[in-house]
Amino acid sequence: MAEKKAAPGYEEKAKRLDEILERLDDSTTPIDELAKDVKEGAQLIRELGQKLNEVETEVQDAFKELDASAPLAEEEASGG
């Protein structure tokens, strides 16, 4: 039975995007490959942006939870 490969993570996608950008800067890359690279790069940019938005939301939620629990911690510390 073949083992299922995990989807590439953020760092792997960012590295791949860097590789694509380097290829786009290389004037010797064939035009057909450039078109493919542009499409792949655009998809990676969308995926990376979405991941950043998800992480930003998670971090904001975590801080909201901290802020919400801060008054409770202060009350407990003051013996309330």
N, C-alpha and C. Protein backbone atom coordinates (compact mmCIF):
# COMPACT_ATOMS: atom_id res chain seq x y z
N MET A 1 0.84 -1.18 0.00
CA MET A 1 0.00 0.00 0.00
C MET A 1 0.88 1.25 0.00
N ALA A 2 0.61 2.17 -0.89
CA ALA A 2 1.42 3.38 -1.00
C ALA A 2 1.10 4.33 0.14
N GLU A 3 2.16 4.93 0.67
CA GLU A 3 1.99 5.87 1.76
C GLU A 3 1.57 7.22 1.19
N LYS A 4 0.57 7.85 1.80
CA LYS A 4 0.08 9.13 1.31
C LYS A 4 1.04 10.23 1.77
N LYS A 5 1.48 11.05 0.84
CA LYS A 5 2.42 12.11 1.13
C LYS A 5 1.67 13.31 1.69
N ALA A 6 2.21 13.89 2.75
CA ALA A 6 1.58 15.04 3.37
C ALA A 6 1.65 16.24 2.43
N ALA A 7 0.63 17.07 2.50
CA ALA A 7 0.61 18.29 1.69
C ALA A 7 1.77 19.18 2.12
N PRO A 8 2.37 19.90 1.17
CA PRO A 8 3.48 20.77 1.53
C PRO A 8 3.03 21.87 2.49
N GLY A 9 3.89 22.17 3.44
CA GLY A 9 3.60 23.20 4.42
C GLY A 9 3.95 24.59 3.90
N TYR A 10 3.74 25.57 4.75
CA TYR A 10 3.98 26.96 4.37
C TYR A 10 5.42 27.18 3.90
N GLU A 11 6.37 26.68 4.67
CA GLU A 11 7.78 26.91 4.34
C GLU A 11 8.14 26.27 2.99
N GLU A 12 7.63 25.07 2.75
CA GLU A 12 7.91 24.41 1.48
C GLU A 12 7.31 25.18 0.31
N LYS A 13 6.11 25.69 0.50
CA LYS A 13 5.46 26.47 -0.57
C LYS A 13 6.21 27.77 -0.81
N ALA A 14 6.66 28.41 0.27
CA ALA A 14 7.41 29.66 0.12
C ALA A 14 8.73 29.41 -0.61
N LYS A 15 9.37 28.30 -0.29
CA LYS A 15 10.62 27.95 -0.97
C LYS A 15 10.36 27.71 -2.45
N ARG A 16 9.29 27.00 -2.76
CA ARG A 16 8.95 26.74 -4.17
C ARG A 16 8.66 28.06 -4.90
N LEU A 17 7.97 28.97 -4.23
CA LEU A 17 7.69 30.26 -4.84
C LEU A 17 8.99 31.01 -5.13
N ASP A 18 9.94 30.95 -4.20
CA ASP A 18 11.25 31.57 -4.43
C ASP A 18 11.94 30.97 -5.66
N GLU A 19 11.85 29.64 -5.79
CA GLU A 19 12.45 28.98 -6.95
C GLU A 19 11.80 29.48 -8.25
N ILE A 20 10.50 29.60 -8.22
CA ILE A 20 9.78 30.06 -9.41
C ILE A 20 10.19 31.49 -9.75
N LEU A 21 10.28 32.34 -8.73
CA LEU A 21 10.67 33.73 -8.98
C LEU A 21 12.07 33.81 -9.58
N GLU A 22 12.96 32.96 -9.12
CA GLU A 22 14.31 32.93 -9.70
C GLU A 22 14.26 32.52 -11.17
N ARG A 23 13.41 31.52 -11.47
CA ARG A 23 13.28 31.07 -12.86
C ARG A 23 12.69 32.18 -13.73
N LEU A 24 11.75 32.94 -13.18
CA LEU A 24 11.15 34.03 -13.95
C LEU A 24 12.18 35.11 -14.27
N ASP A 25 13.15 35.28 -13.38
CA ASP A 25 14.22 36.26 -13.61
C ASP A 25 15.25 35.76 -14.62
N ASP A 26 15.29 34.46 -14.84
CA ASP A 26 16.27 33.85 -15.74
C ASP A 26 15.77 33.98 -17.18
N SER A 27 16.49 34.73 -17.97
CA SER A 27 16.05 34.99 -19.35
C SER A 27 16.20 33.77 -20.27
N THR A 28 16.82 32.70 -19.78
CA THR A 28 17.00 31.53 -20.63
C THR A 28 15.90 30.49 -20.45
N THR A 29 14.97 30.74 -19.53
CA THR A 29 13.88 29.79 -19.29
C THR A 29 12.92 29.82 -20.47
N PRO A 30 12.60 28.65 -21.03
CA PRO A 30 11.68 28.60 -22.18
C PRO A 30 10.31 29.20 -21.85
N ILE A 31 9.70 29.83 -22.83
CA ILE A 31 8.45 30.55 -22.65
C ILE A 31 7.32 29.64 -22.15
N ASP A 32 7.29 28.39 -22.63
CA ASP A 32 6.24 27.47 -22.17
C ASP A 32 6.37 27.17 -20.68
N GLU A 33 7.59 27.06 -20.22
CA GLU A 33 7.83 26.82 -18.80
C GLU A 33 7.49 28.07 -17.99
N LEU A 34 7.75 29.25 -18.55
CA LEU A 34 7.43 30.49 -17.85
C LEU A 34 5.93 30.58 -17.59
N ALA A 35 5.13 30.23 -18.60
CA ALA A 35 3.68 30.29 -18.43
C ALA A 35 3.23 29.36 -17.32
N LYS A 36 3.78 28.16 -17.30
CA LYS A 36 3.45 27.18 -16.26
C LYS A 36 3.88 27.71 -14.88
N ASP A 37 5.08 28.29 -14.84
CA ASP A 37 5.59 28.81 -13.58
C ASP A 37 4.73 29.97 -13.06
N VAL A 38 4.29 30.83 -13.95
CA VAL A 38 3.45 31.96 -13.54
C VAL A 38 2.15 31.45 -12.92
N LYS A 39 1.54 30.47 -13.54
CA LYS A 39 0.30 29.90 -13.00
C LYS A 39 0.54 29.27 -11.63
N GLU A 40 1.61 28.49 -11.52
CA GLU A 40 1.92 27.85 -10.24
C GLU A 40 2.25 28.90 -9.18
N GLY A 41 3.00 29.91 -9.57
CA GLY A 41 3.35 30.98 -8.64
C GLY A 41 2.12 31.72 -8.14
N ALA A 42 1.20 32.00 -9.04
CA ALA A 42 -0.03 32.68 -8.64
C ALA A 42 -0.82 31.84 -7.64
N GLN A 43 -0.89 30.54 -7.88
CA GLN A 43 -1.59 29.64 -6.96
C GLN A 43 -0.91 29.62 -5.60
N LEU A 44 0.41 29.55 -5.60
CA LEU A 44 1.16 29.55 -4.34
C LEU A 44 0.94 30.86 -3.57
N ILE A 45 0.92 31.98 -4.28
CA ILE A 45 0.70 33.27 -3.63
C ILE A 45 -0.68 33.28 -2.96
N ARG A 46 -1.69 32.76 -3.65
CA ARG A 46 -3.04 32.69 -3.06
C ARG A 46 -3.03 31.81 -1.81
N GLU A 47 -2.41 30.63 -1.90
CA GLU A 47 -2.38 29.70 -0.77
C GLU A 47 -1.61 30.27 0.41
N LEU A 48 -0.47 30.89 0.14
CA LEU A 48 0.34 31.47 1.21
C LEU A 48 -0.39 32.63 1.87
N GLY A 49 -1.05 33.46 1.07
CA GLY A 49 -1.83 34.57 1.62
C GLY A 49 -2.96 34.08 2.49
N GLN A 50 -3.64 33.04 2.04
CA GLN A 50 -4.74 32.47 2.82
C GLN A 50 -4.22 31.93 4.16
N LYS A 51 -3.09 31.25 4.12
CA LYS A 51 -2.51 30.72 5.36
C LYS A 51 -2.13 31.84 6.31
N LEU A 52 -1.54 32.91 5.79
CA LEU A 52 -1.19 34.05 6.63
C LEU A 52 -2.43 34.65 7.28
N ASN A 53 -3.51 34.77 6.52
CA ASN A 53 -4.76 35.29 7.07
C ASN A 53 -5.31 34.39 8.17
N GLU A 54 -5.22 33.07 7.96
CA GLU A 54 -5.68 32.12 8.97
C GLU A 54 -4.87 32.26 10.26
N VAL A 55 -3.56 32.35 10.12
CA VAL A 55 -2.69 32.47 11.29
C VAL A 55 -2.95 33.80 12.00
N GLU A 56 -3.13 34.86 11.24
CA GLU A 56 -3.42 36.17 11.84
C GLU A 56 -4.70 36.09 12.68
N THR A 57 -5.72 35.45 12.15
CA THR A 57 -6.98 35.29 12.87
C THR A 57 -6.78 34.49 14.15
N GLU A 58 -6.02 33.40 14.06
CA GLU A 58 -5.75 32.57 15.24
C GLU A 58 -5.01 33.36 16.32
N VAL A 59 -4.04 34.17 15.91
CA VAL A 59 -3.28 34.96 16.87
C VAL A 59 -4.18 36.02 17.50
N GLN A 60 -5.00 36.68 16.69
CA GLN A 60 -5.93 37.67 17.24
C GLN A 60 -6.89 37.03 18.23
N ASP A 61 -7.41 35.85 17.89
CA ASP A 61 -8.32 35.13 18.79
C ASP A 61 -7.62 34.78 20.10
N ALA A 62 -6.38 34.36 20.02
CA ALA A 62 -5.63 34.01 21.22
C ALA A 62 -5.46 35.23 22.12
N PHE A 63 -5.15 36.39 21.52
CA PHE A 63 -5.01 37.60 22.33
C PHE A 63 -6.34 38.03 22.92
N LYS A 64 -7.43 37.85 22.18
CA LYS A 64 -8.76 38.17 22.72
C LYS A 64 -9.07 37.30 23.93
N GLU A 65 -8.71 36.02 23.84
CA GLU A 65 -8.92 35.12 24.97
C GLU A 65 -8.09 35.55 26.18
N LEU A 66 -6.86 35.97 25.92
CA LEU A 66 -6.02 36.46 27.01
C LEU A 66 -6.62 37.71 27.65
N ASP A 67 -7.07 38.62 26.81
CA ASP A 67 -7.68 39.85 27.32
C ASP A 67 -8.94 39.54 28.12
N ALA A 68 -9.73 38.59 27.66
CA ALA A 68 -10.97 38.24 28.35
C ALA A 68 -10.68 37.57 29.69
N SER A 69 -9.60 36.81 29.77
CA SER A 69 -9.29 36.12 31.02
C SER A 69 -8.47 36.98 31.97
N ALA A 70 -7.93 38.08 31.51
CA ALA A 70 -7.10 38.94 32.36
C ALA A 70 -7.87 39.47 33.56
N PRO A 71 -9.10 39.98 33.42
CA PRO A 71 -9.83 40.45 34.61
C PRO A 71 -10.07 39.34 35.62
N LEU A 72 -10.30 38.13 35.14
CA LEU A 72 -10.50 37.01 36.06
C LEU A 72 -9.23 36.71 36.85
N ALA A 73 -8.11 36.76 36.18
CA ALA A 73 -6.83 36.50 36.85
C ALA A 73 -6.53 37.58 37.87
N GLU A 74 -6.88 38.84 37.56
CA GLU A 74 -6.65 39.94 38.49
C GLU A 74 -7.52 39.77 39.73
N GLU A 75 -8.78 39.35 39.53
CA GLU A 75 -9.69 39.14 40.65
C GLU A 75 -9.18 38.02 41.56
N GLU A 76 -8.72 36.93 40.94
CA GLU A 76 -8.20 35.81 41.72
C GLU A 76 -6.96 36.21 42.49
N ALA A 77 -6.11 37.02 41.90
CA ALA A 77 -4.88 37.44 42.54
C ALA A 77 -5.17 38.38 43.73
N SER A 78 -6.24 39.17 43.60
CA SER A 78 -6.57 40.10 44.68
C SER A 78 -7.45 39.48 45.75
N GLY A 79 -7.75 38.19 45.56
CA GLY A 79 -8.54 37.48 46.56
C GLY A 79 -10.02 37.65 46.38
N GLY A 80 -10.43 38.10 45.18
CA GLY A 80 -11.83 38.40 44.89
C GLY A 80 -12.62 37.24 44.58
